[in-house]
Amino acid sequence: MSEFSNRVAAQRRVLQIVNSREWNGERLFGLSRNAIDRFAGSNNLDPTSGLLKLIESASSKLFFLANKSQEQVSEEYEALSADVAHIADELEIELRSF
């Protein structure tokens, strides 16, 4: 259950960071492909922007972690968890210049 809680906390952190900024369109409501596309379109964001690339990277790593959460915690799982935390830090920096 700890891995699940950590994954949910990581998802929540990414969403809170992105939504800490006032957006002209909609906020980011999830990390699915559809939610990210809707957020990008609603806010007229360049699909190649650093912000979207970071969000997409966090999304894909969290998806992988979701599929591995029932397995024994491996070095790969721990590394991906650390990657997501690093991406969240990068998102905070990226949003300062946005």
C-alpha atoms as a PDB file:
ATOM      1  CA  MET A   1       0.000   0.000   0.000  1.00  0.00           C
ATOM      2  CA  SER A   2       2.946   2.320   0.585  1.00  0.00           C
ATOM      3  CA  GLU A   3       3.875   2.318  -3.111  1.00  0.00           C
ATOM      4  CA  PHE A   4       0.282   3.209  -4.002  1.00  0.00           C
ATOM      5  CA  SER A   5       0.268   6.099  -1.529  1.00  0.00           C
ATOM      6  CA  ASN A   6       3.599   7.358  -2.826  1.00  0.00           C
ATOM      7  CA  ARG A   7       2.396   7.188  -6.427  1.00  0.00           C
ATOM      8  CA  VAL A   8      -0.811   9.056  -5.628  1.00  0.00           C
ATOM      9  CA  ALA A   9       1.165  11.679  -3.703  1.00  0.00           C
ATOM     10  CA  ALA A  10       3.498  12.100  -6.683  1.00  0.00           C
ATOM     11  CA  GLN A  11       0.548  12.541  -9.063  1.00  0.00           C
ATOM     12  CA  ARG A  12      -1.030  15.046  -6.709  1.00  0.00           C
ATOM     13  CA  ARG A  13       2.237  16.990  -6.451  1.00  0.00           C
ATOM     14  CA  VAL A  14       2.575  17.246 -10.240  1.00  0.00           C
ATOM     15  CA  LEU A  15      -1.014  18.483 -10.562  1.00  0.00           C
ATOM     16  CA  GLN A  16      -0.602  20.979  -7.717  1.00  0.00           C
ATOM     17  CA  ILE A  17       2.576  22.381  -9.242  1.00  0.00           C
ATOM     18  CA  VAL A  18       1.034  22.830 -12.693  1.00  0.00           C
ATOM     19  CA  ASN A  19      -2.176  24.268 -11.271  1.00  0.00           C
ATOM     20  CA  SER A  20      -0.363  26.671  -8.935  1.00  0.00           C
ATOM     21  CA  ARG A  21      -0.311  29.035 -11.895  1.00  0.00           C
ATOM     22  CA  GLU A  22      -3.371  30.858 -13.195  1.00  0.00           C
ATOM     23  CA  TRP A  23      -4.237  29.467 -16.632  1.00  0.00           C
ATOM     24  CA  ASN A  24      -6.347  31.289 -19.225  1.00  0.00           C
ATOM     25  CA  GLY A  25      -8.103  28.047 -20.120  1.00  0.00           C
ATOM     26  CA  GLU A  26      -8.624  24.971 -18.009  1.00  0.00           C
ATOM     27  CA  ARG A  27      -6.515  23.572 -15.235  1.00  0.00           C
ATOM     28  CA  LEU A  28      -4.799  20.208 -15.594  1.00  0.00           C
ATOM     29  CA  PHE A  29      -7.294  17.688 -14.211  1.00  0.00           C
ATOM     30  CA  GLY A  30      -5.299  14.489 -14.639  1.00  0.00           C
ATOM     31  CA  LEU A  31      -2.230  12.919 -16.173  1.00  0.00           C
ATOM     32  CA  SER A  32      -3.902  10.803 -18.847  1.00  0.00           C
ATOM     33  CA  ARG A  33      -3.099  11.515 -22.491  1.00  0.00           C
ATOM     34  CA  ASN A  34      -6.602  12.982 -22.973  1.00  0.00           C
ATOM     35  CA  ALA A  35      -6.326  15.234 -19.915  1.00  0.00           C
ATOM     36  CA  ILE A  36      -2.928  16.551 -21.010  1.00  0.00           C
ATOM     37  CA  ASP A  37      -4.141  17.153 -24.586  1.00  0.00           C
ATOM     38  CA  ARG A  38      -7.236  18.971 -23.307  1.00  0.00           C
ATOM     39  CA  PHE A  39      -5.117  21.119 -20.964  1.00  0.00           C
ATOM     40  CA  ALA A  40      -2.686  21.980 -23.774  1.00  0.00           C
ATOM     41  CA  GLY A  41      -5.450  22.844 -26.226  1.00  0.00           C
ATOM     42  CA  SER A  42      -7.441  24.863 -23.735  1.00  0.00           C
ATOM     43  CA  ASN A  43      -4.391  26.944 -22.879  1.00  0.00           C
ATOM     44  CA  ASN A  44      -2.983  27.188 -26.436  1.00  0.00           C
ATOM     45  CA  LEU A  45       0.283  25.566 -25.376  1.00  0.00           C
ATOM     46  CA  ASP A  46       2.895  24.578 -27.923  1.00  0.00           C
ATOM     47  CA  PRO A  47       2.930  20.760 -28.033  1.00  0.00           C
ATOM     48  CA  THR A  48       6.742  20.878 -28.067  1.00  0.00           C
ATOM     49  CA  SER A  49       7.029  23.129 -25.000  1.00  0.00           C
ATOM     50  CA  GLY A  50       9.254  22.106 -22.141  1.00  0.00           C
ATOM     51  CA  LEU A  51       6.287  22.262 -19.797  1.00  0.00           C
ATOM     52  CA  LEU A  52       4.274  19.712 -21.752  1.00  0.00           C
ATOM     53  CA  LYS A  53       7.286  17.468 -22.214  1.00  0.00           C
ATOM     54  CA  LEU A  54       7.814  17.406 -18.424  1.00  0.00           C
ATOM     55  CA  ILE A  55       4.126  16.673 -17.782  1.00  0.00           C
ATOM     56  CA  GLU A  56       4.157  13.884 -20.364  1.00  0.00           C
ATOM     57  CA  SER A  57       7.327  12.422 -18.886  1.00  0.00           C
ATOM     58  CA  ALA A  58       5.845  12.409 -15.386  1.00  0.00           C
ATOM     59  CA  SER A  59       2.686  10.829 -16.766  1.00  0.00           C
ATOM     60  CA  SER A  60       4.504   7.999 -18.524  1.00  0.00           C
ATOM     61  CA  LYS A  61       6.699   7.223 -15.515  1.00  0.00           C
ATOM     62  CA  LEU A  62       3.725   7.238 -13.151  1.00  0.00           C
ATOM     63  CA  PHE A  63       1.829   4.942 -15.525  1.00  0.00           C
ATOM     64  CA  PHE A  64       4.752   2.523 -15.467  1.00  0.00           C
ATOM     65  CA  LEU A  65       4.883   2.686 -11.666  1.00  0.00           C
ATOM     66  CA  ALA A  66       1.161   1.943 -11.498  1.00  0.00           C
ATOM     67  CA  ASN A  67       1.706  -1.254 -13.421  1.00  0.00           C
ATOM     68  CA  LYS A  68       4.632  -2.295 -11.230  1.00  0.00           C
ATOM     69  CA  SER A  69       3.111  -1.476  -7.841  1.00  0.00           C
ATOM     70  CA  GLN A  70       2.090  -5.059  -7.132  1.00  0.00           C
ATOM     71  CA  GLU A  71       5.587  -6.351  -7.689  1.00  0.00           C
ATOM     72  CA  GLN A  72       8.461  -6.363  -5.283  1.00  0.00           C
ATOM     73  CA  VAL A  73      10.066  -2.935  -5.082  1.00  0.00           C
ATOM     74  CA  SER A  74      12.982  -3.046  -7.455  1.00  0.00           C
ATOM     75  CA  GLU A  75      15.844  -0.728  -8.213  1.00  0.00           C
ATOM     76  CA  GLU A  76      14.019   0.282 -11.380  1.00  0.00           C
ATOM     77  CA  TYR A  77      10.875   1.184  -9.412  1.00  0.00           C
ATOM     78  CA  GLU A  78      12.904   3.240  -6.949  1.00  0.00           C
ATOM     79  CA  ALA A  79      14.772   4.966  -9.778  1.00  0.00           C
ATOM     80  CA  LEU A  80      11.521   5.876 -11.534  1.00  0.00           C
ATOM     81  CA  SER A  81      10.089   7.214  -8.278  1.00  0.00           C
ATOM     82  CA  ALA A  82      13.151   9.428  -7.917  1.00  0.00           C
ATOM     83  CA  ASP A  83      12.776  10.508 -11.566  1.00  0.00           C
ATOM     84  CA  VAL A  84       9.186  11.630 -10.952  1.00  0.00           C
ATOM     85  CA  ALA A  85      10.289  13.658  -7.916  1.00  0.00           C
ATOM     86  CA  HIS A  86      13.007  15.275 -10.046  1.00  0.00           C
ATOM     87  CA  ILE A  87      10.507  16.037 -12.820  1.00  0.00           C
ATOM     88  CA  ALA A  88       8.235  17.736 -10.269  1.00  0.00           C
ATOM     89  CA  ASP A  89      11.169  19.927  -9.210  1.00  0.00           C
ATOM     90  CA  GLU A  90      11.854  20.745 -12.873  1.00  0.00           C
ATOM     91  CA  LEU A  91       8.192  21.644 -13.378  1.00  0.00           C
ATOM     92  CA  GLU A  92       8.426  24.203 -10.570  1.00  0.00           C
ATOM     93  CA  ILE A  93      11.441  25.780 -12.272  1.00  0.00           C
ATOM     94  CA  GLU A  94       9.804  25.681 -15.726  1.00  0.00           C
ATOM     95  CA  LEU A  95       6.666  27.400 -14.447  1.00  0.00           C
ATOM     96  CA  ARG A  96       8.682  30.286 -13.010  1.00  0.00           C
ATOM     97  CA  SER A  97       9.712  31.259 -16.530  1.00  0.00           C
ATOM     98  CA  PHE A  98       6.334  30.600 -18.107  1.00  0.00           C
END
